[in-house]
Structures are given as structure tokens and as C-alpha cells.
C-alpha atoms as a PDB file:
ATOM      1  CA  MET A   1     134.951 128.859 114.112  1.00  0.00           C
ATOM      2  CA  ILE A   2     132.961 130.664 111.949  1.00  0.00           C
ATOM      3  CA  ARG A   3     132.642 128.035 109.414  1.00  0.00           C
ATOM      4  CA  ARG A   4     131.441 125.488 112.103  1.00  0.00           C
ATOM      5  CA  ALA A   5     128.757 128.066 113.092  1.00  0.00           C
ATOM      6  CA  PHE A   6     127.155 128.427 109.941  1.00  0.00           C
ATOM      7  CA  ILE A   7     127.256 124.683 109.085  1.00  0.00           C
ATOM      8  CA  GLN A   8     125.102 124.607 112.465  1.00  0.00           C
ATOM      9  CA  LEU A   9     123.183 127.613 111.217  1.00  0.00           C
ATOM     10  CA  VAL A  10     122.391 125.380 107.931  1.00  0.00           C
ATOM     11  CA  VAL A  11     121.293 122.016 109.705  1.00  0.00           C
ATOM     12  CA  ALA A  12     119.049 123.704 112.069  1.00  0.00           C
ATOM     13  CA  SER A  13     117.806 126.019 109.081  1.00  0.00           C
ATOM     14  CA  ALA A  14     117.221 122.541 106.900  1.00  0.00           C
ATOM     15  CA  ILE A  15     115.508 120.614 110.074  1.00  0.00           C
ATOM     16  CA  LEU A  16     113.193 123.858 110.643  1.00  0.00           C
ATOM     17  CA  ALA A  17     112.272 123.950 106.885  1.00  0.00           C
ATOM     18  CA  ALA A  18     111.315 120.219 106.806  1.00  0.00           C
ATOM     19  CA  GLY A  19     109.357 120.890 109.731  1.00  0.00           C
ATOM     20  CA  ALA A  20     107.611 123.724 109.412  1.00  0.00           C
ATOM     21  CA  PRO A  21     104.291 122.560 107.399  1.00  0.00           C
ATOM     22  CA  ALA A  22     103.573 120.094 109.986  1.00  0.00           C
ATOM     23  CA  ALA A  23     104.366 122.853 113.093  1.00  0.00           C
ATOM     24  CA  LEU A  24     102.013 125.297 111.022  1.00  0.00           C
ATOM     25  CA  ALA A  25      99.326 122.956 111.235  1.00  0.00           C
ATOM     26  CA  GLY A  26      99.557 122.022 114.872  1.00  0.00           C
ATOM     27  CA  PRO A  27      99.763 119.111 116.489  1.00  0.00           C
ATOM     28  CA  ALA A  28      97.708 115.884 114.699  1.00  0.00           C
ATOM     29  CA  LYS A  29      94.302 115.305 116.473  1.00  0.00           C
ATOM     30  CA  GLN A  30      94.183 112.339 118.588  1.00  0.00           C
ATOM     31  CA  GLY A  31      92.178 109.807 116.833  1.00  0.00           C
ATOM     32  CA  VAL A  32      89.666 107.027 118.729  1.00  0.00           C
ATOM     33  CA  VAL A  33      88.379 104.072 117.498  1.00  0.00           C
ATOM     34  CA  ILE A  34      85.558 102.593 119.694  1.00  0.00           C
ATOM     35  CA  GLN A  35      84.545  99.072 118.683  1.00  0.00           C
ATOM     36  CA  VAL A  36      80.650  97.772 119.425  1.00  0.00           C
ATOM     37  CA  SER A  37      79.953  93.793 118.405  1.00  0.00           C
ATOM     38  CA  ASP A  38      78.011  92.911 121.735  1.00  0.00           C
ATOM     39  CA  GLY A  39      74.822  92.714 122.247  1.00  0.00           C
ATOM     40  CA  ASP A  40      74.755  93.927 125.671  1.00  0.00           C
ATOM     41  CA  PRO A  41      72.473  97.239 126.297  1.00  0.00           C
ATOM     42  CA  LYS A  42      74.987  97.904 128.958  1.00  0.00           C
ATOM     43  CA  THR A  43      77.464  97.454 127.062  1.00  0.00           C
ATOM     44  CA  TRP A  44      76.108 100.359 124.221  1.00  0.00           C
ATOM     45  CA  ASN A  45      75.716 102.459 127.066  1.00  0.00           C
ATOM     46  CA  GLN A  46      79.766 102.055 128.189  1.00  0.00           C
ATOM     47  CA  ALA A  47      80.715 102.700 124.462  1.00  0.00           C
ATOM     48  CA  LEU A  48      78.645 105.918 124.105  1.00  0.00           C
ATOM     49  CA  ASN A  49      79.923 107.064 127.281  1.00  0.00           C
ATOM     50  CA  VAL A  50      83.425 106.512 126.808  1.00  0.00           C
ATOM     51  CA  VAL A  51      82.739 108.372 123.738  1.00  0.00           C
ATOM     52  CA  LYS A  52      81.876 111.329 125.993  1.00  0.00           C
ATOM     53  CA  ASN A  53      84.287 110.888 127.855  1.00  0.00           C
ATOM     54  CA  VAL A  54      87.205 111.433 125.244  1.00  0.00           C
ATOM     55  CA  GLN A  55      85.508 114.138 124.211  1.00  0.00           C
ATOM     56  CA  ALA A  56      85.038 116.031 127.017  1.00  0.00           C
ATOM     57  CA  GLU A  57      89.447 114.969 128.333  1.00  0.00           C
ATOM     58  CA  TYR A  58      90.709 115.794 124.686  1.00  0.00           C
ATOM     59  CA  GLY A  59      88.112 118.594 123.521  1.00  0.00           C
ATOM     60  CA  LYS A  60      86.122 117.884 120.766  1.00  0.00           C
ATOM     61  CA  ASP A  61      87.982 120.051 118.285  1.00  0.00           C
ATOM     62  CA  LYS A  62      91.295 118.018 119.435  1.00  0.00           C
ATOM     63  CA  VAL A  63      89.676 114.517 119.020  1.00  0.00           C
ATOM     64  CA  ASP A  64      87.930 112.382 116.341  1.00  0.00           C
ATOM     65  CA  VAL A  65      86.149 109.614 117.154  1.00  0.00           C
ATOM     66  CA  GLU A  66      84.439 106.873 115.336  1.00  0.00           C
ATOM     67  CA  LEU A  67      81.790 104.844 116.776  1.00  0.00           C
ATOM     68  CA  VAL A  68      81.821 101.499 115.054  1.00  0.00           C
ATOM     69  CA  VAL A  69      79.097  98.970 115.028  1.00  0.00           C
ATOM     70  CA  PHE A  70      79.119  95.420 113.955  1.00  0.00           C
ATOM     71  CA  GLY A  71      77.909  91.702 114.628  1.00  0.00           C
ATOM     72  CA  PHE A  72      75.827  91.495 117.909  1.00  0.00           C
ATOM     73  CA  GLY A  73      76.058  95.490 118.477  1.00  0.00           C
ATOM     74  CA  SER A  74      73.616  96.318 115.537  1.00  0.00           C
ATOM     75  CA  GLY A  75      70.717  96.328 118.156  1.00  0.00           C
ATOM     76  CA  LEU A  76      72.512  99.831 119.181  1.00  0.00           C
ATOM     77  CA  LEU A  77      72.008 101.190 115.321  1.00  0.00           C
ATOM     78  CA  LYS A  78      68.820 100.283 114.748  1.00  0.00           C
ATOM     79  CA  PHE A  79      65.775 102.862 113.679  1.00  0.00           C
ATOM     80  CA  ASP A  80      63.812 101.319 117.648  1.00  0.00           C
ATOM     81  CA  SER A  81      67.338 101.185 119.742  1.00  0.00           C
ATOM     82  CA  PRO A  82      66.403 102.104 123.303  1.00  0.00           C
ATOM     83  CA  LEU A  83      69.442 104.240 123.172  1.00  0.00           C
ATOM     84  CA  ALA A  84      68.490 106.036 119.821  1.00  0.00           C
ATOM     85  CA  ASN A  85      68.702 109.682 121.516  1.00  0.00           C
ATOM     86  CA  ARG A  86      72.147 108.888 122.842  1.00  0.00           C
ATOM     87  CA  ILE A  87      72.881 108.189 119.407  1.00  0.00           C
ATOM     88  CA  ASP A  88      71.411 111.082 118.282  1.00  0.00           C
ATOM     89  CA  ASP A  89      73.316 113.251 121.267  1.00  0.00           C
ATOM     90  CA  THR A  90      76.579 111.591 119.856  1.00  0.00           C
ATOM     91  CA  LEU A  91      76.076 112.723 116.574  1.00  0.00           C
ATOM     92  CA  ALA A  92      75.405 116.418 117.640  1.00  0.00           C
ATOM     93  CA  ASN A  93      78.623 116.463 119.249  1.00  0.00           C
ATOM     94  CA  GLY A  94      80.695 115.491 116.333  1.00  0.00           C
ATOM     95  CA  ALA A  95      81.054 111.825 116.720  1.00  0.00           C
ATOM     96  CA  GLN A  96      81.156 109.394 114.004  1.00  0.00           C
ATOM     97  CA  VAL A  97      78.816 106.326 114.049  1.00  0.00           C
ATOM     98  CA  VAL A  98      79.293 103.857 111.489  1.00  0.00           C
ATOM     99  CA  MET A  99      77.645 100.459 110.663  1.00  0.00           C
ATOM    100  CA  CYS A 100      78.956  97.784 109.100  1.00  0.00           C
ATOM    101  CA  GLN A 101      77.343  96.804 106.080  1.00  0.00           C
ATOM    102  CA  ASN A 102      78.554  92.796 105.998  1.00  0.00           C
ATOM    103  CA  THR A 103      76.608  92.478 109.535  1.00  0.00           C
ATOM    104  CA  MET A 104      74.061  94.008 107.419  1.00  0.00           C
ATOM    105  CA  LYS A 105      73.678  91.996 104.877  1.00  0.00           C
ATOM    106  CA  GLY A 106      73.976  88.624 107.490  1.00  0.00           C
ATOM    107  CA  GLN A 107      70.826  89.882 109.279  1.00  0.00           C
ATOM    108  CA  LYS A 108      69.241  91.374 106.608  1.00  0.00           C
ATOM    109  CA  LEU A 109      68.940  94.470 107.834  1.00  0.00           C
ATOM    110  CA  THR A 110      68.477  97.591 105.793  1.00  0.00           C
ATOM    111  CA  ASN A 111      69.154 101.209 105.801  1.00  0.00           C
ATOM    112  CA  ALA A 112      65.464 101.551 106.618  1.00  0.00           C
ATOM    113  CA  ASP A 113      65.959  99.206 109.919  1.00  0.00           C
ATOM    114  CA  MET A 114      68.584 101.651 110.912  1.00  0.00           C
ATOM    115  CA  HIS A 115      69.442 105.132 113.034  1.00  0.00           C
ATOM    116  CA  PRO A 116      68.825 107.458 110.004  1.00  0.00           C
ATOM    117  CA  LYS A 117      71.907 109.843 110.520  1.00  0.00           C
ATOM    118  CA  ILE A 118      74.346 107.167 110.993  1.00  0.00           C
ATOM    119  CA  GLY A 119      76.971 106.192 108.694  1.00  0.00           C
ATOM    120  CA  TYR A 120      78.088 102.801 106.816  1.00  0.00           C
ATOM    121  CA  VAL A 121      81.219 101.188 106.459  1.00  0.00           C
ATOM    122  CA  GLN A 122      81.381  98.120 103.769  1.00  0.00           C
ATOM    123  CA  ALA A 123      83.334  96.097 107.207  1.00  0.00           C
ATOM    124  CA  GLY A 124      83.793  96.767 110.076  1.00  0.00           C
ATOM    125  CA  VAL A 125      86.133  94.977 111.215  1.00  0.00           C
ATOM    126  CA  ILE A 126      88.322  95.850 108.504  1.00  0.00           C
ATOM    127  CA  GLU A 127      87.285  99.550 109.536  1.00  0.00           C
ATOM    128  CA  ILE A 128      88.892  99.109 112.739  1.00  0.00           C
ATOM    129  CA  ILE A 129      92.283  98.114 111.264  1.00  0.00           C
ATOM    130  CA  GLU A 130      92.391 100.646 109.362  1.00  0.00           C
ATOM    131  CA  LYS A 131      92.174 103.224 111.701  1.00  0.00           C
ATOM    132  CA  SER A 132      94.578 101.787 113.720  1.00  0.00           C
ATOM    133  CA  LYS A 133      97.274 101.374 111.117  1.00  0.00           C
ATOM    134  CA  GLN A 134      96.511 104.954 110.399  1.00  0.00           C
ATOM    135  CA  GLY A 135      97.896 105.551 114.294  1.00  0.00           C
ATOM    136  CA  TRP A 136      93.859 105.677 116.321  1.00  0.00           C
ATOM    137  CA  THR A 137      93.954 103.818 119.502  1.00  0.00           C
ATOM    138  CA  VAL A 138      91.272 101.231 119.428  1.00  0.00           C
ATOM    139  CA  VAL A 139      88.917 100.864 122.407  1.00  0.00           C
ATOM    140  CA  ARG A 140      86.588  97.805 123.051  1.00  0.00           C
ATOM    141  CA  PRO A 141      84.207  98.765 125.971  1.00  0.00           C
END
């Protein structure tokens, strides 16, 4: 009887020790990547609403949100976009906003053509694939 209790104690201790770093770090943040590849400003507004709603529901400090723009969506992130102020708000609220450099090359756009505060990724589709592999939820409004 004592031997069985000792073995159970050893096994329980090993399980706790193995999970201790993760438990101390707390639960992992939820990751949400939002794809914008549509040229319709209604879709752009919807995507920005999704960013805001996800952050409101989970809490900005408990979720990582990245807006990935490529293809026909490039107009959303141009410096003269009708939604430039919403991009400012999205960035100020902690979301990442990135533009596909492959799209920029194809459309002959430079960083000077784009919103000054955004980030860049080489390939928007690859960014989404890699985030998906890491367990991020992919949303395409």
C-alpha cells in the first residue's frame, strides 16, 4: 500500500514538473491572422471591425492579431487610403498590420506609397500559412 502511494506520488510529481514551466507562464495567447486580399472597401472595413471585435472579446493583452494584406487588398494600406485613420487606430490598439512585398513588386508600389506605420512580409500567403502552422486561427472576412 505504501509502495503504491509512493509510485503515485513520484508519477504525479513528474507530471507536474514536466508541465510546470508552461503552467507558470500561463495559457498561451490566442493568435488570429486576418486575410485581406479583396479590393472592396466594404471588405476592408469588415476586416478592421473583426480585428476590433476579436480584441474586445478576448482582451487586447490576451490575443495576438495580425492583419495580412496582399493582392487586390493593397489599396487598404496605401498612404492615401480612405481608411488610413482606421489603420492608425488598429495599430495603436496593438494589432500588427503587414503588407505583402510580392504584391508591392507586382503592382510597382514602394514603401513610400504605403501607410508609414505598417510592417512588411515577403509573401502574404506564406505568412498566413506559417501562422496557421503555429496554431493561429485564419479569418477571411
